[in-house]
Amino acid sequence: MTSDKLAVLIDADNAQASIVQELLSEISRYGTASVKRIYGDWTTDKLKAWKSVLNKMAIQPIQQFAYTNGKNSTDSALIIDAMDLLHDGNLNGFCLVSSDSDFTRLATRIREAGLVVYGFGEKKTPQPFVAACDKFVYTEILRTLQITVPGTSPTAPNSASPECPGKGPIEDHAAGGDDLEKKLSVAVGACALDNGWATLAQVGSMLLKNDSSFDPRNFGFSKLGELVRKQDYLEVKEIQSAKGSPIVHLHVRLKACLSTDKKTQGRTTA
C-alpha cells in the first residue's frame, strides 16, 4: 500500500453497488481514497441499490438530473469535477469506476498531467478505456473476494471459498493459455539479462506496461508468483536478498533459455 492521495469517482449508472466494499478494499492497495464521489440521478429508483451503502462507505452522492430522455448527463458532471480536482493539484491519482468508454479521453488527460489513473469496470468495458488507464481492474475479480455468510446464498457464481479467498477463477487457465503464454514470454524476454533470468518484479511491471488489464486474478491466482510457477514453459528460482535474510526475491526465465544453455555448454566442452 502507498500513501498516494486518490480521488475515487464512480459512475453510478455503470458500476455495481454489490461490490462497493471489495472495490474500496482494492483501491486501498494503491493509496488513500481522499475523495469519494458517486454521480447519478438519485431521484430515480434504478439507483436504490446504491443508497443503502453510501453513508456506510462515506461516499458523497452527486445529484445530476437527466435533462433529456436517452441522454446521460452524469458523465459530464463527473468529468467536470475530475478536471477541477486535477487543477487543484492536491492528488496523486484518480480511480475511475465505470464500464463506459466515454471516460477514455478523461483518463488520457489525467495521465498527460503526470498523475496515475486506475480504472475499474466489467469485462464488457471497451478496450480504448482499458488501455487509457495505467492499471485496469475487472470488477468480476472483486466478486471472487466476497465470502459467503453461513445460511445465505453466495453473492456471485464465482465466490471464493473461505479457506482460499480470491482463488475462484474468473476463467479457466487453459482458456487463455496461448494468450497468457505470449504475454508472459514477451515480458520475461524484455526484462531478461544475458543469462535469461529476470526478476519477477520487473516482469510484473512490463506486463502492466503491455496490458493495463493484466492481473493474475483473471487466471485464478492471487499472486503473480503463483501464476508463473504453474506455467510449464517457465523456470522459477528464489534468491535471498542477503545472507541469512528471510526476504526472498523470485526470478523467472523461459525454459527455452535453459535448453539453449545446455546446447551451448555441450559445444563448449566438445
C-alpha atoms as a PDB file:
ATOM      1  CA  MET A   1       0.000   0.000   0.000  1.00  0.00           C
ATOM      2  CA  THR A   2       1.215   3.525  -0.809  1.00  0.00           C
ATOM      3  CA  SER A   3       0.436   6.913   0.695  1.00  0.00           C
ATOM      4  CA  ASP A   4      -0.816   8.345  -2.616  1.00  0.00           C
ATOM      5  CA  LYS A   5      -3.906  10.519  -2.306  1.00  0.00           C
ATOM      6  CA  LEU A   6      -6.571   9.313  -4.721  1.00  0.00           C
ATOM      7  CA  ALA A   7      -9.911  10.618  -5.965  1.00  0.00           C
ATOM      8  CA  VAL A   8     -12.485   7.851  -6.396  1.00  0.00           C
ATOM      9  CA  LEU A   9     -15.127   8.922  -8.935  1.00  0.00           C
ATOM     10  CA  ILE A  10     -17.954   6.438  -9.562  1.00  0.00           C
ATOM     11  CA  ASP A  11     -20.413   6.412 -12.437  1.00  0.00           C
ATOM     12  CA  ALA A  12     -23.476   5.004 -10.646  1.00  0.00           C
ATOM     13  CA  ASP A  13     -25.163   4.069 -13.923  1.00  0.00           C
ATOM     14  CA  ASN A  14     -22.246   1.840 -14.928  1.00  0.00           C
ATOM     15  CA  ALA A  15     -20.991   0.354 -11.646  1.00  0.00           C
ATOM     16  CA  GLN A  16     -22.263  -2.253  -9.183  1.00  0.00           C
ATOM     17  CA  ALA A  17     -23.266  -1.428  -5.615  1.00  0.00           C
ATOM     18  CA  SER A  18     -22.959  -5.076  -4.572  1.00  0.00           C
ATOM     19  CA  ILE A  19     -19.157  -4.972  -4.612  1.00  0.00           C
ATOM     20  CA  VAL A  20     -18.505  -1.490  -3.235  1.00  0.00           C
ATOM     21  CA  GLN A  21     -16.764  -2.798  -0.112  1.00  0.00           C
ATOM     22  CA  GLU A  22     -14.458  -5.004  -2.177  1.00  0.00           C
ATOM     23  CA  LEU A  23     -13.896  -2.098  -4.571  1.00  0.00           C
ATOM     24  CA  LEU A  24     -12.711   0.234  -1.800  1.00  0.00           C
ATOM     25  CA  SER A  25     -10.535  -2.511  -0.328  1.00  0.00           C
ATOM     26  CA  GLU A  26      -8.889  -2.947  -3.728  1.00  0.00           C
ATOM     27  CA  ILE A  27      -8.349   0.803  -4.049  1.00  0.00           C
ATOM     28  CA  SER A  28      -6.655   0.861  -0.628  1.00  0.00           C
ATOM     29  CA  ARG A  29      -3.855  -1.241  -2.171  1.00  0.00           C
ATOM     30  CA  TYR A  30      -2.913   1.720  -4.369  1.00  0.00           C
ATOM     31  CA  GLY A  31      -3.355   4.614  -1.959  1.00  0.00           C
ATOM     32  CA  THR A  32      -5.772   6.554   0.249  1.00  0.00           C
ATOM     33  CA  ALA A  33      -9.213   7.467  -1.065  1.00  0.00           C
ATOM     34  CA  SER A  34      -9.107  11.149  -0.125  1.00  0.00           C
ATOM     35  CA  VAL A  35     -12.124  11.963  -2.308  1.00  0.00           C
ATOM     36  CA  LYS A  36     -15.046   9.553  -2.787  1.00  0.00           C
ATOM     37  CA  ARG A  37     -17.889  10.728  -5.019  1.00  0.00           C
ATOM     38  CA  ILE A  38     -20.586   8.951  -6.978  1.00  0.00           C
ATOM     39  CA  TYR A  39     -22.636  10.507  -9.785  1.00  0.00           C
ATOM     40  CA  GLY A  40     -26.187   9.778 -10.872  1.00  0.00           C
ATOM     41  CA  ASP A  41     -29.827  10.810 -10.813  1.00  0.00           C
ATOM     42  CA  TRP A  42     -30.814   9.884  -7.256  1.00  0.00           C
ATOM     43  CA  THR A  43     -34.469  10.742  -7.876  1.00  0.00           C
ATOM     44  CA  THR A  44     -34.861   7.508  -9.879  1.00  0.00           C
ATOM     45  CA  ASP A  45     -35.425   4.012  -8.497  1.00  0.00           C
ATOM     46  CA  LYS A  46     -32.714   2.378 -10.584  1.00  0.00           C
ATOM     47  CA  LEU A  47     -30.002   3.597  -8.194  1.00  0.00           C
ATOM     48  CA  LYS A  48     -31.731   2.465  -4.995  1.00  0.00           C
ATOM     49  CA  ALA A  49     -29.172  -0.332  -4.519  1.00  0.00           C
ATOM     50  CA  TRP A  50     -26.513   2.338  -4.015  1.00  0.00           C
ATOM     51  CA  LYS A  51     -28.461   4.378  -1.473  1.00  0.00           C
ATOM     52  CA  SER A  52     -28.050   1.822   1.316  1.00  0.00           C
ATOM     53  CA  VAL A  53     -24.245   1.780   1.091  1.00  0.00           C
ATOM     54  CA  LEU A  54     -23.333   5.428   0.526  1.00  0.00           C
ATOM     55  CA  ASN A  55     -23.369   6.545   4.160  1.00  0.00           C
ATOM     56  CA  LYS A  56     -21.756   3.334   5.344  1.00  0.00           C
ATOM     57  CA  MET A  57     -18.836   3.806   2.973  1.00  0.00           C
ATOM     58  CA  ALA A  58     -18.708   7.613   3.297  1.00  0.00           C
ATOM     59  CA  ILE A  59     -19.242   8.145  -0.417  1.00  0.00           C
ATOM     60  CA  GLN A  60     -20.645  11.548  -1.383  1.00  0.00           C
ATOM     61  CA  PRO A  61     -23.561  11.319  -3.848  1.00  0.00           C
ATOM     62  CA  ILE A  62     -23.607  13.992  -6.547  1.00  0.00           C
ATOM     63  CA  GLN A  63     -27.048  14.652  -7.983  1.00  0.00           C
ATOM     64  CA  GLN A  64     -27.259  15.022 -11.745  1.00  0.00           C
ATOM     65  CA  PHE A  65     -30.681  15.192 -13.388  1.00  0.00           C
ATOM     66  CA  ALA A  66     -31.216  13.592 -16.785  1.00  0.00           C
ATOM     67  CA  TYR A  67     -32.329  16.690 -18.676  1.00  0.00           C
ATOM     68  CA  THR A  68     -33.291  14.787 -21.825  1.00  0.00           C
ATOM     69  CA  ASN A  69     -34.516  11.234 -22.252  1.00  0.00           C
ATOM     70  CA  GLY A  70     -31.822   8.991 -23.670  1.00  0.00           C
ATOM     71  CA  LYS A  71     -29.039  11.456 -22.826  1.00  0.00           C
ATOM     72  CA  ASN A  72     -26.669  10.773 -19.928  1.00  0.00           C
ATOM     73  CA  SER A  73     -25.533  13.978 -18.240  1.00  0.00           C
ATOM     74  CA  THR A  74     -23.824  12.065 -15.406  1.00  0.00           C
ATOM     75  CA  ASP A  75     -20.659  11.616 -17.470  1.00  0.00           C
ATOM     76  CA  SER A  76     -20.284  15.359 -17.988  1.00  0.00           C
ATOM     77  CA  ALA A  77     -20.682  16.099 -14.274  1.00  0.00           C
ATOM     78  CA  LEU A  78     -18.031  13.516 -13.367  1.00  0.00           C
ATOM     79  CA  ILE A  79     -15.604  14.830 -15.985  1.00  0.00           C
ATOM     80  CA  ILE A  80     -16.031  18.457 -14.863  1.00  0.00           C
ATOM     81  CA  ASP A  81     -15.370  17.512 -11.236  1.00  0.00           C
ATOM     82  CA  ALA A  82     -12.350  15.440 -12.253  1.00  0.00           C
ATOM     83  CA  MET A  83     -10.804  18.392 -14.078  1.00  0.00           C
ATOM     84  CA  ASP A  84     -11.445  20.699 -11.103  1.00  0.00           C
ATOM     85  CA  LEU A  85      -9.749  18.210  -8.787  1.00  0.00           C
ATOM     86  CA  LEU A  86      -6.873  17.795 -11.234  1.00  0.00           C
ATOM     87  CA  HIS A  87      -6.187  21.518 -11.365  1.00  0.00           C
ATOM     88  CA  ASP A  88      -6.368  21.829  -7.562  1.00  0.00           C
ATOM     89  CA  GLY A  89      -3.126  19.857  -7.514  1.00  0.00           C
ATOM     90  CA  ASN A  90      -3.756  18.047  -4.221  1.00  0.00           C
ATOM     91  CA  LEU A  91      -3.960  14.494  -5.566  1.00  0.00           C
ATOM     92  CA  ASN A  92      -1.584  11.826  -6.842  1.00  0.00           C
ATOM     93  CA  GLY A  93      -4.088   9.894  -8.906  1.00  0.00           C
ATOM     94  CA  PHE A  94      -7.657   9.034  -9.865  1.00  0.00           C
ATOM     95  CA  CYS A  95      -9.804   5.916  -9.668  1.00  0.00           C
ATOM     96  CA  LEU A  96     -12.448   5.960 -12.406  1.00  0.00           C
ATOM     97  CA  VAL A  97     -15.190   3.417 -11.751  1.00  0.00           C
ATOM     98  CA  SER A  98     -17.214   2.783 -14.888  1.00  0.00           C
ATOM     99  CA  SER A  99     -17.570   0.444 -17.862  1.00  0.00           C
ATOM    100  CA  ASP A 100     -18.252   3.405 -20.158  1.00  0.00           C
ATOM    101  CA  SER A 101     -15.781   4.308 -22.909  1.00  0.00           C
ATOM    102  CA  ASP A 102     -16.816   7.985 -22.619  1.00  0.00           C
ATOM    103  CA  PHE A 103     -14.115   8.373 -19.941  1.00  0.00           C
ATOM    104  CA  THR A 104     -11.271   7.390 -22.272  1.00  0.00           C
ATOM    105  CA  ARG A 105     -10.233  10.962 -23.022  1.00  0.00           C
ATOM    106  CA  LEU A 106     -10.500  11.898 -19.329  1.00  0.00           C
ATOM    107  CA  ALA A 107      -8.102   9.088 -18.409  1.00  0.00           C
ATOM    108  CA  THR A 108      -5.562  10.136 -21.038  1.00  0.00           C
ATOM    109  CA  ARG A 109      -5.819  13.804 -19.994  1.00  0.00           C
ATOM    110  CA  ILE A 110      -5.121  12.954 -16.357  1.00  0.00           C
ATOM    111  CA  ARG A 111      -2.115  10.843 -17.345  1.00  0.00           C
ATOM    112  CA  GLU A 112      -0.830  13.679 -19.537  1.00  0.00           C
ATOM    113  CA  ALA A 113      -0.756  15.779 -16.363  1.00  0.00           C
ATOM    114  CA  GLY A 114       1.539  13.197 -14.745  1.00  0.00           C
ATOM    115  CA  LEU A 115      -0.992  11.547 -12.433  1.00  0.00           C
ATOM    116  CA  VAL A 116      -1.783   7.854 -12.267  1.00  0.00           C
ATOM    117  CA  VAL A 117      -5.174   6.507 -13.370  1.00  0.00           C
ATOM    118  CA  TYR A 118      -6.739   3.287 -12.070  1.00  0.00           C
ATOM    119  CA  GLY A 119      -9.804   2.061 -13.921  1.00  0.00           C
ATOM    120  CA  PHE A 120     -12.461  -0.302 -12.585  1.00  0.00           C
ATOM    121  CA  GLY A 121     -15.178  -1.829 -14.741  1.00  0.00           C
ATOM    122  CA  GLU A 122     -16.749  -5.008 -16.070  1.00  0.00           C
ATOM    123  CA  LYS A 123     -15.171  -7.152 -18.764  1.00  0.00           C
ATOM    124  CA  LYS A 124     -17.536  -5.556 -21.280  1.00  0.00           C
ATOM    125  CA  THR A 125     -15.576  -2.293 -20.900  1.00  0.00           C
ATOM    126  CA  PRO A 126     -14.357  -1.119 -24.342  1.00  0.00           C
ATOM    127  CA  GLN A 127     -10.633  -1.633 -24.899  1.00  0.00           C
ATOM    128  CA  PRO A 128      -9.804   2.063 -25.526  1.00  0.00           C
ATOM    129  CA  PHE A 129     -10.810   2.971 -21.957  1.00  0.00           C
ATOM    130  CA  VAL A 130      -8.919  -0.029 -20.554  1.00  0.00           C
ATOM    131  CA  ALA A 131      -5.769   0.945 -22.460  1.00  0.00           C
ATOM    132  CA  ALA A 132      -6.056   4.587 -21.383  1.00  0.00           C
ATOM    133  CA  CYS A 133      -5.561   3.642 -17.708  1.00  0.00           C
ATOM    134  CA  ASP A 134      -2.258   2.855 -16.002  1.00  0.00           C
ATOM    135  CA  LYS A 135      -3.975  -0.176 -14.493  1.00  0.00           C
ATOM    136  CA  PHE A 136      -7.457  -1.517 -15.126  1.00  0.00           C
ATOM    137  CA  VAL A 137      -9.158  -3.963 -12.756  1.00  0.00           C
ATOM    138  CA  TYR A 138     -12.098  -6.022 -13.972  1.00  0.00           C
ATOM    139  CA  THR A 139     -14.728  -5.926 -11.245  1.00  0.00           C
ATOM    140  CA  GLU A 140     -15.603  -9.580 -11.809  1.00  0.00           C
ATOM    141  CA  ILE A 141     -12.338 -10.282  -9.981  1.00  0.00           C
ATOM    142  CA  LEU A 142     -13.660  -8.485  -6.925  1.00  0.00           C
ATOM    143  CA  ARG A 143     -16.716 -10.713  -6.797  1.00  0.00           C
ATOM    144  CA  THR A 144     -14.454 -13.679  -6.044  1.00  0.00           C
ATOM    145  CA  LEU A 145     -13.424 -11.944  -2.827  1.00  0.00           C
ATOM    146  CA  GLN A 146     -16.950 -11.971  -1.418  1.00  0.00           C
ATOM    147  CA  ILE A 147     -17.225 -14.524   1.394  1.00  0.00           C
ATOM    148  CA  THR A 148     -20.467 -16.451   1.771  1.00  0.00           C
ATOM    149  CA  VAL A 149     -22.175 -15.890   5.120  1.00  0.00           C
ATOM    150  CA  PRO A 150     -23.468 -19.149   6.682  1.00  0.00           C
ATOM    151  CA  GLY A 151     -27.157 -19.632   5.950  1.00  0.00           C
ATOM    152  CA  THR A 152     -27.131 -17.377   2.890  1.00  0.00           C
ATOM    153  CA  SER A 153     -26.552 -17.886  -0.810  1.00  0.00           C
ATOM    154  CA  PRO A 154     -23.305 -16.800  -2.462  1.00  0.00           C
ATOM    155  CA  THR A 155     -23.463 -13.302  -3.937  1.00  0.00           C
ATOM    156  CA  ALA A 156     -21.795 -14.418  -7.136  1.00  0.00           C
ATOM    157  CA  PRO A 157     -21.331 -17.691  -9.000  1.00  0.00           C
ATOM    158  CA  ASN A 158     -17.547 -17.470  -8.693  1.00  0.00           C
ATOM    159  CA  SER A 159     -17.458 -16.805  -4.948  1.00  0.00           C
ATOM    160  CA  ALA A 160     -14.228 -17.986  -3.378  1.00  0.00           C
ATOM    161  CA  SER A 161     -14.135 -20.487  -0.551  1.00  0.00           C
ATOM    162  CA  PRO A 162     -13.395 -19.041   2.930  1.00  0.00           C
ATOM    163  CA  GLU A 163     -10.313 -21.276   3.093  1.00  0.00           C
ATOM    164  CA  CYS A 164      -8.845 -19.726  -0.026  1.00  0.00           C
ATOM    165  CA  PRO A 165     -10.185 -16.195  -0.633  1.00  0.00           C
ATOM    166  CA  GLY A 166      -9.507 -14.778  -4.041  1.00  0.00           C
ATOM    167  CA  LYS A 167      -8.955 -18.197  -5.626  1.00  0.00           C
ATOM    168  CA  GLY A 168     -12.222 -18.512  -7.523  1.00  0.00           C
ATOM    169  CA  PRO A 169     -11.060 -18.281 -11.136  1.00  0.00           C
ATOM    170  CA  ILE A 170     -12.864 -15.882 -13.417  1.00  0.00           C
ATOM    171  CA  GLU A 171     -11.810 -18.023 -16.351  1.00  0.00           C
ATOM    172  CA  ASP A 172     -10.062 -21.331 -16.743  1.00  0.00           C
ATOM    173  CA  HIS A 173      -6.270 -21.025 -17.009  1.00  0.00           C
ATOM    174  CA  ALA A 174      -6.259 -23.117 -20.179  1.00  0.00           C
ATOM    175  CA  ALA A 175      -8.905 -20.911 -21.795  1.00  0.00           C
ATOM    176  CA  GLY A 176      -6.407 -18.070 -22.111  1.00  0.00           C
ATOM    177  CA  GLY A 177      -3.384 -20.331 -22.340  1.00  0.00           C
ATOM    178  CA  ASP A 178      -1.871 -19.236 -25.645  1.00  0.00           C
ATOM    179  CA  ASP A 179      -2.509 -15.561 -24.998  1.00  0.00           C
ATOM    180  CA  LEU A 180      -1.129 -15.820 -21.462  1.00  0.00           C
ATOM    181  CA  GLU A 181       1.972 -17.659 -22.662  1.00  0.00           C
ATOM    182  CA  LYS A 182       2.622 -14.967 -25.249  1.00  0.00           C
ATOM    183  CA  LYS A 183       2.247 -12.140 -22.722  1.00  0.00           C
ATOM    184  CA  LEU A 184       4.492 -13.796 -20.149  1.00  0.00           C
ATOM    185  CA  SER A 185       7.099 -14.806 -22.713  1.00  0.00           C
ATOM    186  CA  VAL A 186       7.316 -11.302 -24.161  1.00  0.00           C
ATOM    187  CA  ALA A 187       7.596  -9.726 -20.689  1.00  0.00           C
ATOM    188  CA  VAL A 188      10.255 -12.173 -19.494  1.00  0.00           C
ATOM    189  CA  GLY A 189      12.220 -11.758 -22.703  1.00  0.00           C
ATOM    190  CA  ALA A 190      12.127  -7.964 -22.457  1.00  0.00           C
ATOM    191  CA  CYS A 191      13.425  -7.955 -18.860  1.00  0.00           C
ATOM    192  CA  ALA A 192      15.925 -10.821 -19.062  1.00  0.00           C
ATOM    193  CA  LEU A 193      19.666 -10.467 -18.576  1.00  0.00           C
ATOM    194  CA  ASP A 194      22.156 -12.271 -20.793  1.00  0.00           C
ATOM    195  CA  ASN A 195      21.618 -15.479 -18.801  1.00  0.00           C
ATOM    196  CA  GLY A 196      17.891 -15.340 -19.472  1.00  0.00           C
ATOM    197  CA  TRP A 197      16.842 -14.586 -15.900  1.00  0.00           C
ATOM    198  CA  ALA A 198      14.552 -11.660 -14.994  1.00  0.00           C
ATOM    199  CA  THR A 199      13.229 -10.533 -11.619  1.00  0.00           C
ATOM    200  CA  LEU A 200       9.557 -11.156 -11.104  1.00  0.00           C
ATOM    201  CA  ALA A 201       9.076  -7.510 -10.084  1.00  0.00           C
ATOM    202  CA  GLN A 202      10.418  -6.328 -13.446  1.00  0.00           C
ATOM    203  CA  VAL A 203       8.279  -8.854 -15.303  1.00  0.00           C
ATOM    204  CA  GLY A 204       5.186  -7.653 -13.429  1.00  0.00           C
ATOM    205  CA  SER A 205       5.891  -4.039 -14.364  1.00  0.00           C
ATOM    206  CA  MET A 206       6.428  -4.974 -18.003  1.00  0.00           C
ATOM    207  CA  LEU A 207       3.172  -6.944 -18.098  1.00  0.00           C
ATOM    208  CA  LEU A 208       1.242  -3.876 -16.927  1.00  0.00           C
ATOM    209  CA  LYS A 209       3.001  -1.647 -19.437  1.00  0.00           C
ATOM    210  CA  ASN A 210       1.993  -4.001 -22.229  1.00  0.00           C
ATOM    211  CA  ASP A 211      -1.541  -4.637 -20.956  1.00  0.00           C
ATOM    212  CA  SER A 212      -3.068  -2.412 -18.268  1.00  0.00           C
ATOM    213  CA  SER A 213      -5.761  -5.023 -17.532  1.00  0.00           C
ATOM    214  CA  PHE A 214      -3.283  -7.816 -16.762  1.00  0.00           C
ATOM    215  CA  ASP A 215      -3.938  -9.296 -13.331  1.00  0.00           C
ATOM    216  CA  PRO A 216      -3.095 -12.820 -12.100  1.00  0.00           C
ATOM    217  CA  ARG A 217      -6.565 -12.987 -10.565  1.00  0.00           C
ATOM    218  CA  ASN A 218      -8.001 -13.080 -14.082  1.00  0.00           C
ATOM    219  CA  PHE A 219      -6.472 -16.563 -14.281  1.00  0.00           C
ATOM    220  CA  GLY A 220      -7.436 -17.742 -10.800  1.00  0.00           C
ATOM    221  CA  PHE A 221      -4.246 -16.837  -8.899  1.00  0.00           C
ATOM    222  CA  SER A 222      -3.960 -14.214  -6.188  1.00  0.00           C
ATOM    223  CA  LYS A 223      -0.261 -13.502  -6.849  1.00  0.00           C
ATOM    224  CA  LEU A 224       1.917 -13.300  -9.935  1.00  0.00           C
ATOM    225  CA  GLY A 225       4.424 -15.657  -8.329  1.00  0.00           C
ATOM    226  CA  GLU A 226       1.768 -18.353  -8.028  1.00  0.00           C
ATOM    227  CA  LEU A 227       0.795 -17.882 -11.661  1.00  0.00           C
ATOM    228  CA  VAL A 228       4.315 -18.185 -13.099  1.00  0.00           C
ATOM    229  CA  ARG A 229       5.075 -21.280 -11.004  1.00  0.00           C
ATOM    230  CA  LYS A 230       2.203 -23.072 -12.757  1.00  0.00           C
ATOM    231  CA  GLN A 231       3.459 -22.362 -16.283  1.00  0.00           C
ATOM    232  CA  ASP A 232       5.410 -25.344 -17.628  1.00  0.00           C
ATOM    233  CA  TYR A 233       7.345 -23.161 -20.090  1.00  0.00           C
ATOM    234  CA  LEU A 234       8.838 -21.037 -17.281  1.00  0.00           C
ATOM    235  CA  GLU A 235      11.566 -21.777 -14.757  1.00  0.00           C
ATOM    236  CA  VAL A 236      11.416 -20.064 -11.356  1.00  0.00           C
ATOM    237  CA  LYS A 237      14.083 -19.730  -8.683  1.00  0.00           C
ATOM    238  CA  GLU A 238      14.314 -17.984  -5.312  1.00  0.00           C
ATOM    239  CA  ILE A 239      17.262 -15.766  -4.345  1.00  0.00           C
ATOM    240  CA  GLN A 240      17.799 -14.382  -0.839  1.00  0.00           C
ATOM    241  CA  SER A 241      18.267 -10.625  -0.750  1.00  0.00           C
ATOM    242  CA  ALA A 242      21.177 -11.094   1.698  1.00  0.00           C
ATOM    243  CA  LYS A 243      22.812 -13.963   3.533  1.00  0.00           C
ATOM    244  CA  GLY A 244      20.592 -15.059   6.409  1.00  0.00           C
ATOM    245  CA  SER A 245      17.801 -12.682   5.339  1.00  0.00           C
ATOM    246  CA  PRO A 246      14.229 -14.019   5.330  1.00  0.00           C
ATOM    247  CA  ILE A 247      13.451 -11.863   2.283  1.00  0.00           C
ATOM    248  CA  VAL A 248      13.405 -13.871  -0.931  1.00  0.00           C
ATOM    249  CA  HIS A 249      13.144 -12.489  -4.472  1.00  0.00           C
ATOM    250  CA  LEU A 250      11.717 -14.568  -7.302  1.00  0.00           C
ATOM    251  CA  HIS A 251      13.486 -14.783 -10.657  1.00  0.00           C
ATOM    252  CA  VAL A 252      11.991 -16.290 -13.788  1.00  0.00           C
ATOM    253  CA  ARG A 253      13.176 -17.311 -17.252  1.00  0.00           C
ATOM    254  CA  LEU A 254      11.912 -19.195 -20.260  1.00  0.00           C
ATOM    255  CA  LYS A 255      12.793 -22.883 -20.228  1.00  0.00           C
ATOM    256  CA  ALA A 256      13.881 -22.465 -23.845  1.00  0.00           C
ATOM    257  CA  CYS A 257      16.821 -20.478 -22.456  1.00  0.00           C
ATOM    258  CA  LEU A 258      17.759 -23.438 -20.281  1.00  0.00           C
ATOM    259  CA  SER A 259      17.881 -25.816 -23.235  1.00  0.00           C
ATOM    260  CA  THR A 260      19.896 -23.254 -25.203  1.00  0.00           C
ATOM    261  CA  ASP A 261      22.375 -23.016 -22.318  1.00  0.00           C
ATOM    262  CA  LYS A 262      22.843 -26.788 -22.324  1.00  0.00           C
ATOM    263  CA  LYS A 263      23.433 -26.863 -26.072  1.00  0.00           C
ATOM    264  CA  THR A 264      25.972 -24.042 -25.743  1.00  0.00           C
ATOM    265  CA  GLN A 265      27.737 -25.821 -22.896  1.00  0.00           C
ATOM    266  CA  GLY A 266      27.822 -29.005 -24.953  1.00  0.00           C
ATOM    267  CA  ARG A 267      29.500 -27.243 -27.877  1.00  0.00           C
ATOM    268  CA  THR A 268      31.967 -25.579 -25.495  1.00  0.00           C
ATOM    269  CA  THR A 269      33.057 -28.824 -23.861  1.00  0.00           C
ATOM    270  CA  ALA A 270      33.297 -30.502 -27.253  1.00  0.00           C
END
